[in-house]
């Protein structure tokens, strides 16, 4: 069995700097070195302990990663000479800011579909930004670095979460009793309630419910035996195009895997059904009984 081929991929900044001796003038190299020193000092002051050798070393690793992230974003080709040209022509500060801007935009995207009031807290937001910067942009010049690939993966994942959150926020704004403005949001819970209650008739959107409303719903479904598909079609007709894919995907899942809907037509007790509903709606259920 042949050994696996390991392809080393040093940080983009390192690959570009290796070309300095043959592709840049002495003045260009000196200017770039000065810029890199300035950026490292700034990173040490803002993100590490700049009074220790360890802090400076960590700052160097973050500088390498931040600039490499910026280069990967700015340079369309895989040619490292193109990366060096950007460094020299635009300046290292410009490249670093481009990389850091990517981290800042990533930090602004929701990490999961549970949103709390603290998510908008400036102190928490700053801590989250710093953690992302350290996680993605720590790059050892002598080792392979996959920060850009991990950044792209997190962007895709978080945009998926953002789509879920925005769909839930739309449902909240159109709740049949009026908009729900609670800063805490269980996005999956909101979507679950809307889809489950829609089987009674999707023209009325339910984004939050308590036990009394659920009991009424169960009794109505058992008495009238509505067609679930008709209710879901009515709900989908109200959903904006931007959110249809998320709601349709959840409907498809709940159609075959939702125990509340599977058991609602049986002799299952209201207590059992409500306990099962809690598994889907979580904190979006109101405790309206003492």
Foldseek 3Di string as FASTA:
>chain_A
DDDDDDDFAAQLVLVLVVCCVPQHDPVLNVQQVVLLVVQLCVCLVPQHPVVDPVSSVQSNQLLSQLLSQLLPVPDPDPDSPSSNCCCRPVHSVVSSVSSLVLLLVLLLFDQAQWFDPCSPPPVVSVVSSSVSSSVLRRGDRVGGHDSNVVSVVSVVNRVVRNLLNVQLQVLQCQAQVHHDDHRTGNSQLQLLQQLVLLQLANLHGHRAEELVVVVVSLVSCLVVVGHSVRSLVNNLVPRDPSNNVVSVVVNVCCVPPQVLVVPSNDPDDSVVSVVSSCVRNPPRYDHPDD
